[in-house]
Amino acid sequence: MTIFEGLTKDTRRELGDVNRVITALVSAQNELVFREARLKSSQEEASRGTAGVATDSLERVITELNQARSAAAERRESIGAQLERLRLELIRLKSGVGTAAEVRAEAERGKRLIPG
């Protein structure tokens, strides 16, 4: 966001909704961090007091929580990589090497990662 805000007003206008895409990606990334923390807490809660007890239900719950946590981490990492690609395109634009069209194209790719 700092790089985006450092661009001229005309350049920011030319970028269209890139700012909104970045904001939405950061928000989605933060939500995934919280989701991972909740899932970890749920895993700990499910395992608490079950020493030596290996029921099918417990194993299923732990497996589901692990899978959900892994999926959230994977999605968070994908969003982080997309934000990095956008950052680099903004640096290219700021330096005069890249174009607003290239930044907008990268933002379009980023929209696929925004939930809803």
N, C-alpha and C. Protein backbone atom coordinates (compact mmCIF):
# COMPACT_ATOMS: atom_id res chain seq x y z
N MET A 1 0.82 -1.19 0.00
CA MET A 1 0.00 0.00 0.00
C MET A 1 0.86 1.26 0.00
N THR A 2 2.00 1.19 0.66
CA THR A 2 2.89 2.35 0.72
C THR A 2 3.35 2.74 -0.68
N ILE A 3 3.68 1.75 -1.49
CA ILE A 3 4.12 2.03 -2.86
C ILE A 3 2.96 2.65 -3.64
N PHE A 4 1.78 2.07 -3.51
CA PHE A 4 0.60 2.58 -4.21
C PHE A 4 0.35 4.04 -3.83
N GLU A 5 0.39 4.31 -2.54
CA GLU A 5 0.11 5.67 -2.06
C GLU A 5 1.18 6.66 -2.50
N GLY A 6 2.38 6.17 -2.82
CA GLY A 6 3.46 7.04 -3.28
C GLY A 6 3.38 7.41 -4.75
N LEU A 7 2.45 6.80 -5.47
CA LEU A 7 2.28 7.12 -6.89
C LEU A 7 1.51 8.43 -7.05
N THR A 8 1.65 9.04 -8.19
CA THR A 8 0.92 10.28 -8.44
C THR A 8 -0.58 10.00 -8.47
N LYS A 9 -1.35 11.04 -8.26
CA LYS A 9 -2.80 10.91 -8.27
C LYS A 9 -3.29 10.40 -9.62
N ASP A 10 -2.72 10.91 -10.69
CA ASP A 10 -3.11 10.47 -12.03
C ASP A 10 -2.81 8.98 -12.24
N THR A 11 -1.66 8.55 -11.78
CA THR A 11 -1.28 7.14 -11.93
C THR A 11 -2.21 6.26 -11.10
N ARG A 12 -2.52 6.68 -9.89
CA ARG A 12 -3.44 5.90 -9.05
C ARG A 12 -4.81 5.79 -9.73
N ARG A 13 -5.27 6.86 -10.33
CA ARG A 13 -6.55 6.86 -11.03
C ARG A 13 -6.49 5.89 -12.22
N GLU A 14 -5.35 5.89 -12.91
CA GLU A 14 -5.17 5.01 -14.06
C GLU A 14 -5.19 3.53 -13.66
N LEU A 15 -4.84 3.25 -12.42
CA LEU A 15 -4.80 1.87 -11.95
C LEU A 15 -6.18 1.31 -11.62
N GLY A 16 -7.19 2.15 -11.62
CA GLY A 16 -8.55 1.66 -11.39
C GLY A 16 -8.73 1.10 -10.00
N ASP A 17 -9.20 -0.14 -9.93
CA ASP A 17 -9.53 -0.73 -8.63
C ASP A 17 -8.39 -1.52 -8.00
N VAL A 18 -7.17 -1.29 -8.44
CA VAL A 18 -6.02 -2.01 -7.88
C VAL A 18 -5.95 -1.83 -6.37
N ASN A 19 -6.20 -0.63 -5.90
CA ASN A 19 -6.16 -0.35 -4.46
C ASN A 19 -7.17 -1.23 -3.71
N ARG A 20 -8.38 -1.34 -4.25
CA ARG A 20 -9.41 -2.18 -3.62
C ARG A 20 -9.02 -3.65 -3.63
N VAL A 21 -8.38 -4.09 -4.71
CA VAL A 21 -7.94 -5.48 -4.79
C VAL A 21 -6.88 -5.76 -3.73
N ILE A 22 -5.92 -4.86 -3.59
CA ILE A 22 -4.87 -5.03 -2.59
C ILE A 22 -5.49 -5.08 -1.19
N THR A 23 -6.40 -4.15 -0.91
CA THR A 23 -7.05 -4.11 0.39
C THR A 23 -7.83 -5.40 0.66
N ALA A 24 -8.54 -5.89 -0.34
CA ALA A 24 -9.31 -7.12 -0.17
C ALA A 24 -8.40 -8.33 0.04
N LEU A 25 -7.27 -8.37 -0.67
CA LEU A 25 -6.32 -9.47 -0.49
C LEU A 25 -5.71 -9.46 0.90
N VAL A 26 -5.34 -8.29 1.38
CA VAL A 26 -4.77 -8.16 2.72
C VAL A 26 -5.80 -8.59 3.76
N SER A 27 -7.04 -8.17 3.58
CA SER A 27 -8.11 -8.54 4.50
C SER A 27 -8.32 -10.06 4.49
N ALA A 28 -8.35 -10.66 3.31
CA ALA A 28 -8.52 -12.12 3.21
C ALA A 28 -7.36 -12.85 3.87
N GLN A 29 -6.16 -12.32 3.68
CA GLN A 29 -4.97 -12.92 4.28
C GLN A 29 -5.07 -12.87 5.82
N ASN A 30 -5.49 -11.74 6.34
CA ASN A 30 -5.65 -11.59 7.80
C ASN A 30 -6.72 -12.53 8.34
N GLU A 31 -7.82 -12.66 7.62
CA GLU A 31 -8.87 -13.58 8.04
C GLU A 31 -8.36 -15.01 8.09
N LEU A 32 -7.52 -15.38 7.15
CA LEU A 32 -6.96 -16.73 7.13
C LEU A 32 -6.01 -16.96 8.30
N VAL A 33 -5.27 -15.94 8.67
CA VAL A 33 -4.40 -16.05 9.84
C VAL A 33 -5.25 -16.35 11.09
N PHE A 34 -6.35 -15.62 11.22
CA PHE A 34 -7.24 -15.85 12.36
C PHE A 34 -7.88 -17.24 12.27
N ARG A 35 -8.26 -17.67 11.07
CA ARG A 35 -8.85 -19.00 10.90
C ARG A 35 -7.87 -20.08 11.32
N GLU A 36 -6.62 -19.94 10.89
CA GLU A 36 -5.61 -20.92 11.28
C GLU A 36 -5.47 -20.99 12.80
N ALA A 37 -5.48 -19.84 13.44
CA ALA A 37 -5.35 -19.80 14.90
C ALA A 37 -6.55 -20.47 15.57
N ARG A 38 -7.76 -20.22 15.05
CA ARG A 38 -8.95 -20.86 15.61
C ARG A 38 -8.90 -22.37 15.42
N LEU A 39 -8.45 -22.80 14.24
CA LEU A 39 -8.36 -24.24 13.97
C LEU A 39 -7.33 -24.91 14.88
N LYS A 40 -6.21 -24.22 15.10
CA LYS A 40 -5.19 -24.77 16.00
C LYS A 40 -5.76 -24.90 17.41
N SER A 41 -6.46 -23.88 17.84
CA SER A 41 -7.07 -23.90 19.16
C SER A 41 -8.09 -25.05 19.26
N SER A 42 -8.85 -25.25 18.20
CA SER A 42 -9.83 -26.33 18.18
C SER A 42 -9.15 -27.69 18.22
N GLN A 43 -8.02 -27.81 17.53
CA GLN A 43 -7.26 -29.06 17.57
C GLN A 43 -6.81 -29.35 19.00
N GLU A 44 -6.27 -28.34 19.64
CA GLU A 44 -5.80 -28.50 21.02
C GLU A 44 -6.96 -28.86 21.94
N GLU A 45 -8.08 -28.21 21.74
CA GLU A 45 -9.26 -28.48 22.57
C GLU A 45 -9.77 -29.90 22.35
N ALA A 46 -9.77 -30.36 21.11
CA ALA A 46 -10.23 -31.72 20.81
C ALA A 46 -9.31 -32.77 21.43
N SER A 47 -8.04 -32.47 21.47
CA SER A 47 -7.06 -33.44 21.98
C SER A 47 -6.97 -33.44 23.50
N ARG A 48 -7.40 -32.36 24.13
CA ARG A 48 -7.32 -32.22 25.58
C ARG A 48 -8.13 -33.30 26.28
N GLY A 49 -7.51 -33.96 27.21
CA GLY A 49 -8.22 -34.93 28.04
C GLY A 49 -8.48 -36.25 27.35
N THR A 50 -7.82 -36.47 26.22
CA THR A 50 -8.08 -37.71 25.49
C THR A 50 -6.87 -38.64 25.49
N ALA A 51 -5.96 -38.42 26.40
CA ALA A 51 -4.75 -39.24 26.46
C ALA A 51 -5.12 -40.72 26.51
N GLY A 52 -4.60 -41.47 25.57
CA GLY A 52 -4.83 -42.90 25.53
C GLY A 52 -6.15 -43.30 24.92
N VAL A 53 -6.98 -42.33 24.60
CA VAL A 53 -8.27 -42.64 23.99
C VAL A 53 -8.20 -42.31 22.51
N ALA A 54 -8.32 -43.31 21.68
CA ALA A 54 -8.25 -43.09 20.23
C ALA A 54 -9.56 -43.56 19.61
N THR A 55 -10.54 -42.71 19.65
CA THR A 55 -11.83 -43.07 19.08
C THR A 55 -11.88 -42.67 17.62
N ASP A 56 -12.76 -43.30 16.87
CA ASP A 56 -12.94 -42.94 15.47
C ASP A 56 -13.35 -41.48 15.34
N SER A 57 -14.22 -41.04 16.24
CA SER A 57 -14.70 -39.65 16.19
C SER A 57 -13.57 -38.67 16.41
N LEU A 58 -12.73 -38.94 17.40
CA LEU A 58 -11.61 -38.05 17.68
C LEU A 58 -10.66 -38.00 16.49
N GLU A 59 -10.34 -39.15 15.94
CA GLU A 59 -9.43 -39.19 14.79
C GLU A 59 -10.03 -38.42 13.61
N ARG A 60 -11.32 -38.59 13.37
CA ARG A 60 -11.98 -37.88 12.28
C ARG A 60 -11.93 -36.38 12.49
N VAL A 61 -12.23 -35.94 13.72
CA VAL A 61 -12.23 -34.51 14.02
C VAL A 61 -10.82 -33.92 13.86
N ILE A 62 -9.83 -34.61 14.39
CA ILE A 62 -8.45 -34.12 14.28
C ILE A 62 -8.03 -34.06 12.82
N THR A 63 -8.38 -35.07 12.04
CA THR A 63 -8.04 -35.10 10.61
C THR A 63 -8.70 -33.94 9.88
N GLU A 64 -9.99 -33.72 10.15
CA GLU A 64 -10.71 -32.62 9.50
C GLU A 64 -10.10 -31.27 9.86
N LEU A 65 -9.78 -31.10 11.12
CA LEU A 65 -9.18 -29.83 11.56
C LEU A 65 -7.81 -29.63 10.92
N ASN A 66 -7.01 -30.70 10.83
CA ASN A 66 -5.70 -30.61 10.17
C ASN A 66 -5.86 -30.23 8.70
N GLN A 67 -6.80 -30.85 8.03
CA GLN A 67 -7.02 -30.56 6.61
C GLN A 67 -7.48 -29.12 6.41
N ALA A 68 -8.38 -28.67 7.26
CA ALA A 68 -8.87 -27.29 7.15
C ALA A 68 -7.75 -26.29 7.43
N ARG A 69 -6.92 -26.61 8.41
CA ARG A 69 -5.80 -25.71 8.74
C ARG A 69 -4.78 -25.68 7.60
N SER A 70 -4.50 -26.82 7.02
CA SER A 70 -3.56 -26.87 5.89
C SER A 70 -4.11 -26.10 4.69
N ALA A 71 -5.40 -26.24 4.43
CA ALA A 71 -6.03 -25.52 3.32
C ALA A 71 -5.98 -24.01 3.55
N ALA A 72 -6.23 -23.59 4.78
CA ALA A 72 -6.18 -22.16 5.10
C ALA A 72 -4.76 -21.63 4.94
N ALA A 73 -3.77 -22.40 5.39
CA ALA A 73 -2.36 -21.97 5.27
C ALA A 73 -1.96 -21.88 3.80
N GLU A 74 -2.39 -22.85 3.02
CA GLU A 74 -2.07 -22.85 1.59
C GLU A 74 -2.68 -21.63 0.89
N ARG A 75 -3.92 -21.36 1.21
CA ARG A 75 -4.60 -20.20 0.61
C ARG A 75 -3.94 -18.90 1.05
N ARG A 76 -3.59 -18.81 2.33
CA ARG A 76 -2.91 -17.61 2.84
C ARG A 76 -1.59 -17.40 2.11
N GLU A 77 -0.84 -18.48 1.89
CA GLU A 77 0.43 -18.38 1.18
C GLU A 77 0.22 -17.95 -0.27
N SER A 78 -0.83 -18.43 -0.91
CA SER A 78 -1.14 -18.02 -2.28
C SER A 78 -1.45 -16.53 -2.34
N ILE A 79 -2.20 -16.05 -1.37
CA ILE A 79 -2.53 -14.63 -1.32
C ILE A 79 -1.26 -13.81 -1.07
N GLY A 80 -0.40 -14.29 -0.18
CA GLY A 80 0.87 -13.59 0.08
C GLY A 80 1.72 -13.51 -1.17
N ALA A 81 1.77 -14.58 -1.94
CA ALA A 81 2.54 -14.58 -3.19
C ALA A 81 1.93 -13.59 -4.19
N GLN A 82 0.60 -13.54 -4.25
CA GLN A 82 -0.05 -12.60 -5.16
C GLN A 82 0.22 -11.16 -4.75
N LEU A 83 0.17 -10.89 -3.46
CA LEU A 83 0.48 -9.54 -2.99
C LEU A 83 1.91 -9.16 -3.33
N GLU A 84 2.82 -10.11 -3.25
CA GLU A 84 4.22 -9.84 -3.62
C GLU A 84 4.34 -9.53 -5.11
N ARG A 85 3.62 -10.28 -5.95
CA ARG A 85 3.65 -9.99 -7.39
C ARG A 85 3.10 -8.60 -7.67
N LEU A 86 2.04 -8.23 -6.98
CA LEU A 86 1.49 -6.88 -7.16
C LEU A 86 2.49 -5.82 -6.70
N ARG A 87 3.14 -6.07 -5.58
CA ARG A 87 4.15 -5.12 -5.07
C ARG A 87 5.26 -4.92 -6.10
N LEU A 88 5.72 -6.00 -6.68
CA LEU A 88 6.80 -5.90 -7.66
C LEU A 88 6.35 -5.17 -8.92
N GLU A 89 5.12 -5.41 -9.34
CA GLU A 89 4.59 -4.68 -10.52
C GLU A 89 4.46 -3.19 -10.21
N LEU A 90 4.05 -2.86 -8.99
CA LEU A 90 3.97 -1.45 -8.61
C LEU A 90 5.35 -0.80 -8.59
N ILE A 91 6.35 -1.54 -8.14
CA ILE A 91 7.73 -1.01 -8.16
C ILE A 91 8.18 -0.78 -9.59
N ARG A 92 7.87 -1.73 -10.47
CA ARG A 92 8.22 -1.57 -11.88
C ARG A 92 7.56 -0.32 -12.45
N LEU A 93 6.26 -0.13 -12.12
CA LEU A 93 5.53 1.04 -12.61
C LEU A 93 6.15 2.32 -12.08
N LYS A 94 6.42 2.34 -10.80
CA LYS A 94 6.99 3.54 -10.16
C LYS A 94 8.34 3.91 -10.78
N SER A 95 9.12 2.89 -11.15
CA SER A 95 10.45 3.14 -11.70
C SER A 95 10.41 3.49 -13.19
N GLY A 96 9.25 3.35 -13.80
CA GLY A 96 9.14 3.66 -15.22
C GLY A 96 9.40 2.47 -16.13
N VAL A 97 9.64 1.33 -15.55
CA VAL A 97 9.91 0.12 -16.34
C VAL A 97 8.60 -0.58 -16.71
N GLY A 98 7.64 -0.56 -15.81
CA GLY A 98 6.36 -1.23 -16.02
C GLY A 98 5.28 -0.26 -16.42
N THR A 99 4.11 -0.84 -16.69
CA THR A 99 2.96 -0.02 -17.10
C THR A 99 1.78 -0.24 -16.17
N ALA A 100 0.86 0.70 -16.20
CA ALA A 100 -0.36 0.57 -15.40
C ALA A 100 -1.15 -0.65 -15.86
N ALA A 101 -1.12 -0.93 -17.15
CA ALA A 101 -1.84 -2.09 -17.69
C ALA A 101 -1.30 -3.39 -17.08
N GLU A 102 -0.01 -3.47 -16.88
CA GLU A 102 0.59 -4.67 -16.28
C GLU A 102 0.16 -4.82 -14.82
N VAL A 103 0.09 -3.71 -14.11
CA VAL A 103 -0.36 -3.75 -12.72
C VAL A 103 -1.83 -4.16 -12.66
N ARG A 104 -2.65 -3.59 -13.55
CA ARG A 104 -4.07 -3.94 -13.59
C ARG A 104 -4.25 -5.42 -13.93
N ALA A 105 -3.45 -5.95 -14.84
CA ALA A 105 -3.54 -7.36 -15.20
C ALA A 105 -3.21 -8.26 -14.01
N GLU A 106 -2.19 -7.87 -13.25
CA GLU A 106 -1.82 -8.64 -12.05
C GLU A 106 -2.94 -8.56 -11.02
N ALA A 107 -3.56 -7.40 -10.89
CA ALA A 107 -4.67 -7.23 -9.95
C ALA A 107 -5.86 -8.11 -10.38
N GLU A 108 -6.09 -8.21 -11.67
CA GLU A 108 -7.17 -9.08 -12.16
C GLU A 108 -6.92 -10.52 -11.76
N ARG A 109 -5.68 -10.97 -11.86
CA ARG A 109 -5.34 -12.32 -11.42
C ARG A 109 -5.57 -12.47 -9.92
N GLY A 110 -5.29 -11.40 -9.19
CA GLY A 110 -5.47 -11.43 -7.74
C GLY A 110 -6.92 -11.52 -7.32
N LYS A 111 -7.84 -11.02 -8.15
CA LYS A 111 -9.26 -11.05 -7.82
C LYS A 111 -9.77 -12.48 -7.64
N ARG A 112 -9.14 -13.43 -8.31
CA ARG A 112 -9.57 -14.83 -8.19
C ARG A 112 -9.38 -15.36 -6.77
N LEU A 113 -8.49 -14.74 -6.02
CA LEU A 113 -8.19 -15.20 -4.66
C LEU A 113 -9.05 -14.53 -3.59
N ILE A 114 -9.84 -13.57 -4.01
CA ILE A 114 -10.69 -12.83 -3.06
C ILE A 114 -11.99 -13.63 -2.87
N PRO A 115 -12.30 -13.97 -1.63
CA PRO A 115 -13.52 -14.75 -1.38
C PRO A 115 -14.78 -13.95 -1.72
N GLY A 116 -15.81 -14.69 -2.11
CA GLY A 116 -17.12 -14.07 -2.36
C GLY A 116 -17.18 -13.51 -3.67
